[in-house]
Amino acid sequence: MSNLLAHLQRLWPHGDQHIPGLVEGIAKSADAVFIKYGTASPLVVAMMFGQFSEECGAGLEMEENGNYTAQRLLQVFPTHFTAGMAQRAAHNPRLVFDIAYGGRMGNAPPPSDDGYNFRGRGLPQVTGREGYAKLAAKTGLPLTEHPELLSDPDHALECGVADFVLCGCLPFARNGDVLNVTKRLNGGYNGLADRRTWTARWKRELGI
């Protein structure tokens, strides 16, 4: 897509702040990725980036932040932490994710570090060994051995787009259906209002 770099620079002005070259890497790989996954139409691009913008904080949150207070842990993961566990795990992201995500989503339970290694990453915040493995099979990238590739500038867009397709979002994206795209990508409707706002901004940006 021509001018994607300019669109990203306008809508994600701080997108390179934590991962240098992220915005440029996304734009550079866009044409090949959009053709490979059948997502080249401006409407689909707007629908994808409306979701990605919310999921990764417009490029600022390409890896899930586990630096929680004890109080916040009990709010975010109420079924995984007792008050005592939350006190011990507070401000320790590795321990937080190993407890919160261990033993589910394809992750081995603690003391495995699967929960931490396969925390939310990338444009769509893929989470869990099972999600990384499915994405690896789809893209051919060694994501279970190198999970950091999801947020690498050279591979972030392909991982994001491939996950969008794997989640079953594409038919709904072609119809401009934000509600059902959100349901399939997120598993629920978290941040729906922000997703609608971002999608509208991307549609305006792309002249839709």
N, C-alpha and C. Protein backbone atom coordinates (compact mmCIF):
# COMPACT_ATOMS: atom_id res chain seq x y z
N MET A 1 0.84 -1.19 0.00
CA MET A 1 0.00 0.00 0.00
C MET A 1 0.88 1.24 0.00
N SER A 2 0.68 2.11 -0.98
CA SER A 2 1.47 3.33 -1.05
C SER A 2 1.14 4.25 0.11
N ASN A 3 2.15 4.94 0.58
CA ASN A 3 1.99 5.95 1.63
C ASN A 3 1.64 5.39 3.00
N LEU A 4 1.76 4.07 3.21
CA LEU A 4 1.46 3.55 4.54
C LEU A 4 2.39 4.18 5.58
N LEU A 5 3.64 4.42 5.21
CA LEU A 5 4.57 5.04 6.16
C LEU A 5 4.05 6.40 6.60
N ALA A 6 3.58 7.18 5.66
CA ALA A 6 3.06 8.51 6.00
C ALA A 6 1.83 8.40 6.89
N HIS A 7 0.95 7.43 6.58
CA HIS A 7 -0.25 7.24 7.41
C HIS A 7 0.15 6.85 8.84
N LEU A 8 1.10 5.93 8.96
CA LEU A 8 1.55 5.50 10.28
C LEU A 8 2.21 6.64 11.05
N GLN A 9 3.00 7.42 10.36
CA GLN A 9 3.67 8.53 11.04
C GLN A 9 2.67 9.55 11.56
N ARG A 10 1.55 9.69 10.87
CA ARG A 10 0.52 10.62 11.36
C ARG A 10 -0.27 10.04 12.52
N LEU A 11 -0.64 8.75 12.41
CA LEU A 11 -1.53 8.16 13.42
C LEU A 11 -0.77 7.50 14.57
N TRP A 12 0.46 7.08 14.32
CA TRP A 12 1.31 6.49 15.37
C TRP A 12 2.57 7.35 15.50
N PRO A 13 2.46 8.60 15.91
CA PRO A 13 3.63 9.49 15.89
C PRO A 13 4.76 9.06 16.81
N HIS A 14 4.46 8.24 17.81
CA HIS A 14 5.50 7.77 18.73
C HIS A 14 5.74 6.26 18.58
N GLY A 15 5.33 5.70 17.45
CA GLY A 15 5.37 4.26 17.26
C GLY A 15 6.76 3.64 17.31
N ASP A 16 7.79 4.44 17.06
CA ASP A 16 9.17 3.92 17.09
C ASP A 16 9.85 4.11 18.44
N GLN A 17 9.12 4.66 19.40
CA GLN A 17 9.76 5.09 20.65
C GLN A 17 10.40 3.94 21.41
N HIS A 18 9.71 2.81 21.51
CA HIS A 18 10.23 1.68 22.28
C HIS A 18 10.94 0.64 21.41
N ILE A 19 10.54 0.56 20.16
CA ILE A 19 11.18 -0.37 19.22
C ILE A 19 11.62 0.45 18.00
N PRO A 20 12.87 0.88 17.98
CA PRO A 20 13.35 1.71 16.88
C PRO A 20 13.12 1.03 15.53
N GLY A 21 12.62 1.79 14.57
CA GLY A 21 12.40 1.25 13.23
C GLY A 21 11.12 0.48 13.05
N LEU A 22 10.26 0.42 14.08
CA LEU A 22 9.04 -0.37 13.99
C LEU A 22 8.13 0.12 12.86
N VAL A 23 7.85 1.41 12.85
CA VAL A 23 6.94 1.96 11.85
C VAL A 23 7.50 1.77 10.45
N GLU A 24 8.79 2.03 10.29
CA GLU A 24 9.41 1.87 8.98
C GLU A 24 9.39 0.40 8.54
N GLY A 25 9.64 -0.51 9.49
CA GLY A 25 9.62 -1.94 9.16
C GLY A 25 8.24 -2.41 8.72
N ILE A 26 7.22 -1.93 9.41
CA ILE A 26 5.84 -2.28 9.04
C ILE A 26 5.55 -1.79 7.62
N ALA A 27 5.88 -0.54 7.35
CA ALA A 27 5.59 0.02 6.02
C ALA A 27 6.37 -0.69 4.92
N LYS A 28 7.62 -1.03 5.21
CA LYS A 28 8.47 -1.67 4.20
C LYS A 28 7.94 -3.05 3.81
N SER A 29 7.38 -3.77 4.77
CA SER A 29 6.92 -5.13 4.47
C SER A 29 5.47 -5.19 4.01
N ALA A 30 4.79 -4.05 4.01
CA ALA A 30 3.33 -4.05 3.82
C ALA A 30 2.87 -4.65 2.49
N ASP A 31 3.44 -4.22 1.39
CA ASP A 31 2.94 -4.68 0.09
C ASP A 31 3.00 -6.20 -0.02
N ALA A 32 4.15 -6.79 0.32
CA ALA A 32 4.29 -8.24 0.21
C ALA A 32 3.36 -8.96 1.17
N VAL A 33 3.23 -8.45 2.40
CA VAL A 33 2.38 -9.11 3.40
C VAL A 33 0.91 -9.02 3.00
N PHE A 34 0.46 -7.86 2.58
CA PHE A 34 -0.96 -7.70 2.23
C PHE A 34 -1.34 -8.60 1.05
N ILE A 35 -0.44 -8.73 0.09
CA ILE A 35 -0.72 -9.60 -1.05
C ILE A 35 -0.74 -11.06 -0.61
N LYS A 36 0.23 -11.46 0.20
CA LYS A 36 0.33 -12.86 0.66
C LYS A 36 -0.92 -13.31 1.39
N TYR A 37 -1.50 -12.43 2.21
CA TYR A 37 -2.63 -12.83 3.05
C TYR A 37 -3.98 -12.29 2.56
N GLY A 38 -3.99 -11.69 1.38
CA GLY A 38 -5.26 -11.24 0.80
C GLY A 38 -5.93 -10.12 1.57
N THR A 39 -5.11 -9.18 2.07
CA THR A 39 -5.64 -8.12 2.92
C THR A 39 -5.33 -6.74 2.37
N ALA A 40 -5.20 -6.61 1.05
CA ALA A 40 -4.69 -5.36 0.47
C ALA A 40 -5.73 -4.28 0.32
N SER A 41 -7.02 -4.58 0.46
CA SER A 41 -8.02 -3.54 0.24
C SER A 41 -7.95 -2.49 1.34
N PRO A 42 -8.16 -1.21 1.00
CA PRO A 42 -8.08 -0.15 2.01
C PRO A 42 -9.01 -0.38 3.20
N LEU A 43 -10.20 -0.92 2.97
CA LEU A 43 -11.11 -1.16 4.09
C LEU A 43 -10.52 -2.19 5.05
N VAL A 44 -9.98 -3.28 4.51
CA VAL A 44 -9.40 -4.32 5.37
C VAL A 44 -8.19 -3.77 6.13
N VAL A 45 -7.37 -2.97 5.45
CA VAL A 45 -6.21 -2.37 6.13
C VAL A 45 -6.68 -1.48 7.27
N ALA A 46 -7.71 -0.69 7.03
CA ALA A 46 -8.25 0.18 8.09
C ALA A 46 -8.80 -0.65 9.24
N MET A 47 -9.48 -1.73 8.93
CA MET A 47 -10.04 -2.59 9.98
C MET A 47 -8.92 -3.24 10.79
N MET A 48 -7.89 -3.70 10.11
CA MET A 48 -6.76 -4.33 10.83
C MET A 48 -6.06 -3.32 11.72
N PHE A 49 -5.73 -2.17 11.17
CA PHE A 49 -4.97 -1.21 11.94
C PHE A 49 -5.81 -0.53 13.01
N GLY A 50 -7.12 -0.51 12.83
CA GLY A 50 -7.97 -0.06 13.92
C GLY A 50 -7.84 -0.96 15.13
N GLN A 51 -7.77 -2.27 14.89
CA GLN A 51 -7.58 -3.23 15.97
C GLN A 51 -6.16 -3.17 16.53
N PHE A 52 -5.18 -3.18 15.62
CA PHE A 52 -3.79 -3.18 16.08
C PHE A 52 -3.49 -1.93 16.91
N SER A 53 -4.05 -0.80 16.51
CA SER A 53 -3.77 0.45 17.22
C SER A 53 -4.20 0.37 18.67
N GLU A 54 -5.34 -0.28 18.92
CA GLU A 54 -5.80 -0.45 20.29
C GLU A 54 -4.98 -1.51 21.02
N GLU A 55 -4.72 -2.63 20.35
CA GLU A 55 -4.04 -3.75 21.00
C GLU A 55 -2.62 -3.38 21.43
N CYS A 56 -1.87 -2.70 20.57
CA CYS A 56 -0.46 -2.43 20.87
C CYS A 56 -0.21 -0.98 21.23
N GLY A 57 -1.27 -0.23 21.51
CA GLY A 57 -1.07 1.16 21.92
C GLY A 57 -0.38 1.99 20.87
N ALA A 58 -0.78 1.81 19.61
CA ALA A 58 -0.17 2.56 18.49
C ALA A 58 1.34 2.38 18.44
N GLY A 59 1.77 1.14 18.71
CA GLY A 59 3.19 0.79 18.62
C GLY A 59 3.96 0.91 19.92
N LEU A 60 3.34 1.48 20.95
CA LEU A 60 4.04 1.73 22.21
C LEU A 60 4.01 0.53 23.16
N GLU A 61 3.15 -0.44 22.89
CA GLU A 61 2.98 -1.58 23.81
C GLU A 61 3.07 -2.89 23.04
N MET A 62 4.22 -3.11 22.40
CA MET A 62 4.39 -4.30 21.59
C MET A 62 4.69 -5.55 22.42
N GLU A 63 4.96 -5.37 23.71
CA GLU A 63 5.10 -6.49 24.64
C GLU A 63 4.29 -6.18 25.89
N GLU A 64 3.53 -7.14 26.34
CA GLU A 64 2.65 -6.95 27.49
C GLU A 64 3.46 -6.55 28.73
N ASN A 65 3.01 -5.54 29.41
CA ASN A 65 3.70 -5.03 30.59
C ASN A 65 3.14 -5.71 31.83
N GLY A 66 4.00 -6.44 32.54
CA GLY A 66 3.56 -7.15 33.73
C GLY A 66 3.94 -6.49 35.04
N ASN A 67 4.26 -5.21 34.99
CA ASN A 67 4.70 -4.49 36.19
C ASN A 67 3.49 -4.03 37.00
N TYR A 68 2.76 -4.99 37.57
CA TYR A 68 1.53 -4.71 38.29
C TYR A 68 1.77 -4.52 39.78
N THR A 69 0.94 -3.66 40.39
CA THR A 69 0.86 -3.63 41.85
C THR A 69 0.06 -4.85 42.31
N ALA A 70 0.15 -5.16 43.59
CA ALA A 70 -0.62 -6.28 44.13
C ALA A 70 -2.11 -6.05 43.95
N GLN A 71 -2.56 -4.83 44.20
CA GLN A 71 -3.99 -4.51 44.06
C GLN A 71 -4.45 -4.72 42.62
N ARG A 72 -3.63 -4.27 41.67
CA ARG A 72 -4.01 -4.40 40.27
C ARG A 72 -4.01 -5.86 39.83
N LEU A 73 -3.10 -6.66 40.33
CA LEU A 73 -3.08 -8.09 40.00
C LEU A 73 -4.39 -8.76 40.39
N LEU A 74 -4.91 -8.41 41.55
CA LEU A 74 -6.16 -9.01 42.02
C LEU A 74 -7.35 -8.56 41.16
N GLN A 75 -7.22 -7.40 40.53
CA GLN A 75 -8.28 -6.92 39.64
C GLN A 75 -8.20 -7.57 38.26
N VAL A 76 -6.97 -7.68 37.74
CA VAL A 76 -6.79 -8.18 36.37
C VAL A 76 -6.85 -9.70 36.30
N PHE A 77 -6.28 -10.37 37.30
CA PHE A 77 -6.22 -11.84 37.31
C PHE A 77 -6.83 -12.38 38.61
N PRO A 78 -8.11 -12.11 38.87
CA PRO A 78 -8.69 -12.46 40.17
C PRO A 78 -8.72 -13.95 40.46
N THR A 79 -8.75 -14.79 39.42
CA THR A 79 -8.81 -16.23 39.65
C THR A 79 -7.44 -16.88 39.76
N HIS A 80 -6.38 -16.11 39.55
CA HIS A 80 -5.04 -16.68 39.51
C HIS A 80 -4.16 -16.27 40.70
N PHE A 81 -4.58 -15.25 41.43
CA PHE A 81 -3.76 -14.76 42.54
C PHE A 81 -4.59 -14.63 43.81
N THR A 82 -4.05 -15.15 44.91
CA THR A 82 -4.56 -14.81 46.23
C THR A 82 -3.90 -13.50 46.65
N ALA A 83 -4.37 -12.93 47.73
CA ALA A 83 -3.78 -11.68 48.20
C ALA A 83 -2.30 -11.85 48.51
N GLY A 84 -1.95 -12.98 49.13
CA GLY A 84 -0.55 -13.23 49.45
C GLY A 84 0.30 -13.42 48.22
N MET A 85 -0.22 -14.17 47.24
CA MET A 85 0.53 -14.36 45.99
C MET A 85 0.73 -13.04 45.27
N ALA A 86 -0.29 -12.22 45.28
CA ALA A 86 -0.20 -10.92 44.60
C ALA A 86 0.87 -10.05 45.24
N GLN A 87 0.96 -10.09 46.55
CA GLN A 87 2.01 -9.32 47.23
C GLN A 87 3.40 -9.79 46.81
N ARG A 88 3.56 -11.11 46.71
CA ARG A 88 4.88 -11.66 46.35
C ARG A 88 5.24 -11.38 44.88
N ALA A 89 4.23 -11.38 44.02
CA ALA A 89 4.50 -11.25 42.58
C ALA A 89 4.52 -9.80 42.10
N ALA A 90 4.03 -8.88 42.90
CA ALA A 90 3.93 -7.48 42.47
C ALA A 90 5.27 -6.96 41.93
N HIS A 91 5.19 -6.28 40.77
CA HIS A 91 6.34 -5.65 40.13
C HIS A 91 7.41 -6.65 39.69
N ASN A 92 7.01 -7.92 39.52
CA ASN A 92 7.92 -8.96 39.02
C ASN A 92 7.25 -9.60 37.80
N PRO A 93 7.41 -9.00 36.61
CA PRO A 93 6.67 -9.48 35.43
C PRO A 93 6.85 -10.96 35.13
N ARG A 94 8.06 -11.48 35.29
CA ARG A 94 8.27 -12.90 35.00
C ARG A 94 7.39 -13.77 35.89
N LEU A 95 7.38 -13.49 37.16
CA LEU A 95 6.57 -14.27 38.09
C LEU A 95 5.08 -14.06 37.82
N VAL A 96 4.70 -12.83 37.53
CA VAL A 96 3.29 -12.52 37.24
C VAL A 96 2.79 -13.37 36.07
N PHE A 97 3.52 -13.38 34.97
CA PHE A 97 3.04 -14.08 33.78
C PHE A 97 3.16 -15.59 33.92
N ASP A 98 4.20 -16.05 34.62
CA ASP A 98 4.32 -17.50 34.83
C ASP A 98 3.12 -18.02 35.64
N ILE A 99 2.66 -17.24 36.60
CA ILE A 99 1.49 -17.65 37.39
C ILE A 99 0.20 -17.44 36.60
N ALA A 100 0.06 -16.27 35.99
CA ALA A 100 -1.20 -15.93 35.33
C ALA A 100 -1.47 -16.77 34.08
N TYR A 101 -0.42 -17.07 33.33
CA TYR A 101 -0.60 -17.76 32.05
C TYR A 101 -0.08 -19.20 32.07
N GLY A 102 0.64 -19.59 33.11
CA GLY A 102 1.16 -20.95 33.18
C GLY A 102 0.05 -21.97 33.28
N GLY A 103 0.22 -23.10 32.57
CA GLY A 103 -0.76 -24.17 32.66
C GLY A 103 -2.00 -23.97 31.82
N ARG A 104 -2.00 -22.97 30.95
CA ARG A 104 -3.13 -22.77 30.04
C ARG A 104 -2.62 -22.15 28.75
N MET A 105 -3.47 -22.11 27.72
CA MET A 105 -3.11 -21.57 26.40
C MET A 105 -1.90 -22.29 25.80
N GLY A 106 -1.74 -23.57 26.16
CA GLY A 106 -0.62 -24.34 25.65
C GLY A 106 0.65 -24.19 26.45
N ASN A 107 0.64 -23.36 27.49
CA ASN A 107 1.83 -23.15 28.32
C ASN A 107 1.96 -24.24 29.37
N ALA A 108 3.19 -24.67 29.62
CA ALA A 108 3.45 -25.55 30.75
C ALA A 108 3.28 -24.74 32.04
N PRO A 109 2.90 -25.41 33.12
CA PRO A 109 2.74 -24.69 34.39
C PRO A 109 4.08 -24.31 35.00
N PRO A 110 4.08 -23.37 35.96
CA PRO A 110 5.32 -23.08 36.70
C PRO A 110 5.85 -24.36 37.33
N PRO A 111 7.18 -24.51 37.42
CA PRO A 111 8.21 -23.47 37.27
C PRO A 111 8.64 -23.18 35.84
N SER A 112 7.93 -23.71 34.84
CA SER A 112 8.23 -23.32 33.46
C SER A 112 8.07 -21.81 33.31
N ASP A 113 8.86 -21.24 32.41
CA ASP A 113 8.74 -19.81 32.09
C ASP A 113 7.85 -19.57 30.87
N ASP A 114 7.07 -20.57 30.47
CA ASP A 114 6.21 -20.40 29.29
C ASP A 114 5.30 -19.18 29.43
N GLY A 115 4.73 -18.99 30.60
CA GLY A 115 3.81 -17.88 30.78
C GLY A 115 4.47 -16.55 30.47
N TYR A 116 5.71 -16.40 30.91
CA TYR A 116 6.45 -15.17 30.64
C TYR A 116 6.93 -15.11 29.19
N ASN A 117 7.47 -16.21 28.70
CA ASN A 117 8.03 -16.21 27.34
C ASN A 117 6.97 -16.00 26.28
N PHE A 118 5.76 -16.46 26.54
CA PHE A 118 4.68 -16.36 25.56
C PHE A 118 3.60 -15.39 26.03
N ARG A 119 4.04 -14.32 26.70
CA ARG A 119 3.12 -13.24 27.09
C ARG A 119 2.64 -12.50 25.84
N GLY A 120 1.70 -11.61 26.02
CA GLY A 120 1.17 -10.88 24.87
C GLY A 120 2.23 -10.10 24.13
N ARG A 121 2.29 -10.32 22.81
CA ARG A 121 3.29 -9.64 21.98
C ARG A 121 2.72 -9.29 20.62
N GLY A 122 3.36 -8.31 20.01
CA GLY A 122 3.07 -7.99 18.63
C GLY A 122 1.89 -7.06 18.44
N LEU A 123 1.57 -6.79 17.19
CA LEU A 123 0.48 -5.89 16.87
C LEU A 123 -0.85 -6.35 17.45
N PRO A 124 -1.17 -7.67 17.43
CA PRO A 124 -2.44 -8.12 18.00
C PRO A 124 -2.31 -8.72 19.39
N GLN A 125 -1.11 -8.62 19.99
CA GLN A 125 -0.88 -9.15 21.34
C GLN A 125 -1.21 -10.64 21.44
N VAL A 126 -0.58 -11.44 20.58
CA VAL A 126 -0.70 -12.89 20.63
C VAL A 126 -0.20 -13.38 21.98
N THR A 127 -0.96 -14.29 22.60
CA THR A 127 -0.63 -14.75 23.95
C THR A 127 -0.71 -16.27 24.03
N GLY A 128 0.28 -16.90 24.67
CA GLY A 128 0.25 -18.34 24.91
C GLY A 128 1.02 -19.13 23.86
N ARG A 129 1.67 -20.21 24.32
CA ARG A 129 2.46 -21.04 23.40
C ARG A 129 1.61 -21.56 22.24
N GLU A 130 0.37 -21.93 22.52
CA GLU A 130 -0.48 -22.45 21.45
C GLU A 130 -0.70 -21.41 20.36
N GLY A 131 -0.95 -20.15 20.75
CA GLY A 131 -1.13 -19.09 19.78
C GLY A 131 0.13 -18.82 18.98
N TYR A 132 1.28 -18.84 19.65
CA TYR A 132 2.55 -18.64 18.95
C TYR A 132 2.81 -19.79 17.97
N ALA A 133 2.48 -21.01 18.38
CA ALA A 133 2.73 -22.17 17.52
C ALA A 133 1.84 -22.14 16.28
N LYS A 134 0.58 -21.78 16.43
CA LYS A 134 -0.30 -21.67 15.26
C LYS A 134 0.20 -20.59 14.30
N LEU A 135 0.66 -19.50 14.88
CA LEU A 135 1.18 -18.41 14.05
C LEU A 135 2.48 -18.82 13.36
N ALA A 136 3.30 -19.60 14.04
CA ALA A 136 4.53 -20.11 13.44
C ALA A 136 4.22 -20.99 12.24
N ALA A 137 3.21 -21.85 12.38
CA ALA A 137 2.82 -22.73 11.27
C ALA A 137 2.29 -21.93 10.09
N LYS A 138 1.59 -20.86 10.37
CA LYS A 138 1.00 -20.03 9.31
C LYS A 138 2.06 -19.22 8.57
N THR A 139 3.03 -18.67 9.31
CA THR A 139 4.01 -17.77 8.71
C THR A 139 5.31 -18.45 8.30
N GLY A 140 5.61 -19.60 8.90
CA GLY A 140 6.89 -20.25 8.66
C GLY A 140 8.02 -19.66 9.51
N LEU A 141 7.69 -18.76 10.42
CA LEU A 141 8.70 -18.15 11.29
C LEU A 141 8.87 -18.99 12.56
N PRO A 142 10.07 -19.08 13.12
CA PRO A 142 10.32 -19.91 14.31
C PRO A 142 9.91 -19.19 15.60
N LEU A 143 8.62 -18.97 15.76
CA LEU A 143 8.14 -18.10 16.84
C LEU A 143 8.17 -18.76 18.21
N THR A 144 8.09 -20.08 18.27
CA THR A 144 8.18 -20.71 19.59
C THR A 144 9.62 -20.72 20.09
N GLU A 145 10.58 -20.73 19.18
CA GLU A 145 11.99 -20.65 19.58
C GLU A 145 12.42 -19.20 19.78
N HIS A 146 11.82 -18.30 19.03
CA HIS A 146 12.18 -16.88 19.09
C HIS A 146 10.91 -16.03 19.17
N PRO A 147 10.24 -16.05 20.31
CA PRO A 147 8.99 -15.31 20.43
C PRO A 147 9.14 -13.81 20.23
N GLU A 148 10.36 -13.31 20.40
CA GLU A 148 10.57 -11.87 20.23
C GLU A 148 10.35 -11.39 18.81
N LEU A 149 10.29 -12.34 17.85
CA LEU A 149 10.08 -11.96 16.45
C LEU A 149 8.72 -11.28 16.24
N LEU A 150 7.76 -11.55 17.12
CA LEU A 150 6.45 -10.92 16.95
C LEU A 150 6.52 -9.40 17.03
N SER A 151 7.50 -8.88 17.75
CA SER A 151 7.62 -7.43 17.88
C SER A 151 8.84 -6.89 17.13
N ASP A 152 9.45 -7.72 16.30
CA ASP A 152 10.59 -7.29 15.49
C ASP A 152 10.08 -6.48 14.29
N PRO A 153 10.70 -5.34 13.99
CA PRO A 153 10.21 -4.52 12.88
C PRO A 153 10.08 -5.26 11.55
N ASP A 154 10.97 -6.22 11.31
CA ASP A 154 10.95 -6.93 10.03
C ASP A 154 9.81 -7.94 9.94
N HIS A 155 9.28 -8.38 11.06
CA HIS A 155 8.28 -9.46 11.05
C HIS A 155 6.96 -9.10 11.72
N ALA A 156 6.91 -7.95 12.37
CA ALA A 156 5.72 -7.59 13.16
C ALA A 156 4.46 -7.57 12.30
N LEU A 157 4.54 -6.98 11.12
CA LEU A 157 3.32 -6.86 10.31
C LEU A 157 2.84 -8.23 9.84
N GLU A 158 3.76 -9.08 9.35
CA GLU A 158 3.31 -10.41 8.91
C GLU A 158 2.68 -11.18 10.06
N CYS A 159 3.29 -11.12 11.23
CA CYS A 159 2.72 -11.82 12.38
C CYS A 159 1.33 -11.27 12.72
N GLY A 160 1.19 -9.96 12.69
CA GLY A 160 -0.09 -9.36 13.01
C GLY A 160 -1.17 -9.71 11.99
N VAL A 161 -0.84 -9.60 10.72
CA VAL A 161 -1.81 -9.88 9.67
C VAL A 161 -2.17 -11.37 9.66
N ALA A 162 -1.17 -12.24 9.80
CA ALA A 162 -1.43 -13.68 9.81
C ALA A 162 -2.32 -14.06 10.99
N ASP A 163 -2.10 -13.45 12.15
CA ASP A 163 -2.95 -13.73 13.30
C ASP A 163 -4.38 -13.24 13.06
N PHE A 164 -4.51 -12.08 12.46
CA PHE A 164 -5.82 -11.52 12.11
C PHE A 164 -6.59 -12.51 11.23
N VAL A 165 -5.91 -13.10 10.24
CA VAL A 165 -6.53 -14.08 9.35
C VAL A 165 -6.84 -15.37 10.11
N LEU A 166 -5.89 -15.85 10.91
CA LEU A 166 -6.09 -17.09 11.68
C LEU A 166 -7.29 -16.99 12.62
N CYS A 167 -7.51 -15.82 13.18
CA CYS A 167 -8.61 -15.63 14.13
C CYS A 167 -9.97 -15.58 13.45
N GLY A 168 -9.99 -15.60 12.12
CA GLY A 168 -11.27 -15.57 11.41
C GLY A 168 -11.84 -14.19 11.21
N CYS A 169 -10.97 -13.18 11.30
CA CYS A 169 -11.45 -11.79 11.22
C CYS A 169 -11.74 -11.32 9.80
N LEU A 170 -11.09 -11.93 8.80
CA LEU A 170 -11.09 -11.35 7.46
C LEU A 170 -12.48 -11.18 6.85
N PRO A 171 -13.38 -12.17 6.91
CA PRO A 171 -14.70 -11.96 6.30
C PRO A 171 -15.44 -10.78 6.92
N PHE A 172 -15.28 -10.59 8.22
CA PHE A 172 -15.96 -9.49 8.89
C PHE A 172 -15.29 -8.16 8.58
N ALA A 173 -13.96 -8.18 8.42
CA ALA A 173 -13.24 -6.97 8.05
C ALA A 173 -13.69 -6.48 6.68
N ARG A 174 -13.91 -7.40 5.77
CA ARG A 174 -14.34 -7.01 4.42
C ARG A 174 -15.71 -6.36 4.42
N ASN A 175 -16.50 -6.65 5.47
CA ASN A 175 -17.83 -6.05 5.61
C ASN A 175 -17.83 -4.85 6.55
N GLY A 176 -16.67 -4.48 7.06
CA GLY A 176 -16.59 -3.34 7.96
C GLY A 176 -17.23 -3.59 9.31
N ASP A 177 -17.28 -4.84 9.74
CA ASP A 177 -17.97 -5.24 10.98
C ASP A 177 -16.99 -5.22 12.16
N VAL A 178 -16.88 -4.08 12.83
CA VAL A 178 -15.93 -3.93 13.93
C VAL A 178 -16.27 -4.86 15.09
N LEU A 179 -17.56 -5.03 15.37
CA LEU A 179 -17.97 -5.84 16.51
C LEU A 179 -17.46 -7.28 16.38
N ASN A 180 -17.70 -7.89 15.23
CA ASN A 180 -17.31 -9.29 15.07
C ASN A 180 -15.81 -9.46 14.85
N VAL A 181 -15.15 -8.47 14.26
CA VAL A 181 -13.69 -8.52 14.18
C VAL A 181 -13.10 -8.49 15.59
N THR A 182 -13.64 -7.62 16.42
CA THR A 182 -13.17 -7.53 17.80
C THR A 182 -13.37 -8.84 18.54
N LYS A 183 -14.54 -9.44 18.39
CA LYS A 183 -14.86 -10.69 19.08
C LYS A 183 -13.87 -11.78 18.71
N ARG A 184 -13.51 -11.86 17.45
CA ARG A 184 -12.63 -12.94 17.01
C ARG A 184 -11.16 -12.67 17.34
N LEU A 185 -10.76 -11.43 17.29
CA LEU A 185 -9.36 -11.13 17.59
C LEU A 185 -9.10 -11.11 19.09
N ASN A 186 -10.03 -10.55 19.83
CA ASN A 186 -9.84 -10.34 21.27
C ASN A 186 -10.41 -11.47 22.11
N GLY A 187 -11.37 -12.21 21.56
CA GLY A 187 -12.04 -13.24 22.34
C GLY A 187 -13.19 -12.67 23.15
N GLY A 188 -13.33 -11.36 23.13
CA GLY A 188 -14.41 -10.66 23.83
C GLY A 188 -14.56 -9.29 23.20
N TYR A 189 -14.90 -8.32 24.02
CA TYR A 189 -15.12 -6.98 23.48
C TYR A 189 -14.33 -5.93 24.27
N ASN A 190 -13.18 -6.32 24.80
CA ASN A 190 -12.35 -5.38 25.55
C ASN A 190 -11.94 -4.21 24.66
N GLY A 191 -12.11 -3.01 25.17
CA GLY A 191 -11.68 -1.83 24.42
C GLY A 191 -12.48 -1.55 23.18
N LEU A 192 -13.72 -2.02 23.11
CA LEU A 192 -14.51 -1.89 21.87
C LEU A 192 -14.66 -0.44 21.45
N ALA A 193 -14.93 0.45 22.38
CA ALA A 193 -15.12 1.86 22.01
C ALA A 193 -13.85 2.42 21.38
N ASP A 194 -12.69 2.09 21.97
CA ASP A 194 -11.43 2.56 21.40
C ASP A 194 -11.17 1.94 20.03
N ARG A 195 -11.54 0.69 19.87
CA ARG A 195 -11.36 0.04 18.57
C ARG A 195 -12.22 0.71 17.51
N ARG A 196 -13.42 1.07 17.87
CA ARG A 196 -14.30 1.78 16.91
C ARG A 196 -13.69 3.14 16.55
N THR A 197 -13.19 3.84 17.56
CA THR A 197 -12.60 5.15 17.31
C THR A 197 -11.38 5.05 16.42
N TRP A 198 -10.49 4.10 16.73
CA TRP A 198 -9.29 3.91 15.91
C TRP A 198 -9.65 3.52 14.48
N THR A 199 -10.62 2.62 14.33
CA THR A 199 -11.01 2.20 12.98
C THR A 199 -11.54 3.37 12.19
N ALA A 200 -12.33 4.21 12.82
CA ALA A 200 -12.85 5.40 12.14
C ALA A 200 -11.71 6.33 11.72
N ARG A 201 -10.72 6.48 12.58
CA ARG A 201 -9.57 7.32 12.25
C ARG A 201 -8.81 6.75 11.06
N TRP A 202 -8.61 5.43 11.06
CA TRP A 202 -7.90 4.81 9.93
C TRP A 202 -8.71 4.91 8.64
N LYS A 203 -10.00 4.77 8.73
CA LYS A 203 -10.84 4.89 7.53
C LYS A 203 -10.73 6.31 6.94
N ARG A 204 -10.77 7.30 7.81
CA ARG A 204 -10.62 8.67 7.34
C ARG A 204 -9.24 8.88 6.71
N GLU A 205 -8.23 8.34 7.39
CA GLU A 205 -6.86 8.49 6.91
C GLU A 205 -6.67 7.88 5.52
N LEU A 206 -7.35 6.75 5.29
CA LEU A 206 -7.21 6.04 4.02
C LEU A 206 -8.25 6.47 2.99
N GLY A 207 -9.04 7.46 3.33
CA GLY A 207 -10.01 8.01 2.37
C GLY A 207 -11.22 7.14 2.14
N ILE A 208 -11.62 6.38 3.16
CA ILE A 208 -12.78 5.49 3.02
C ILE A 208 -14.01 6.19 3.58
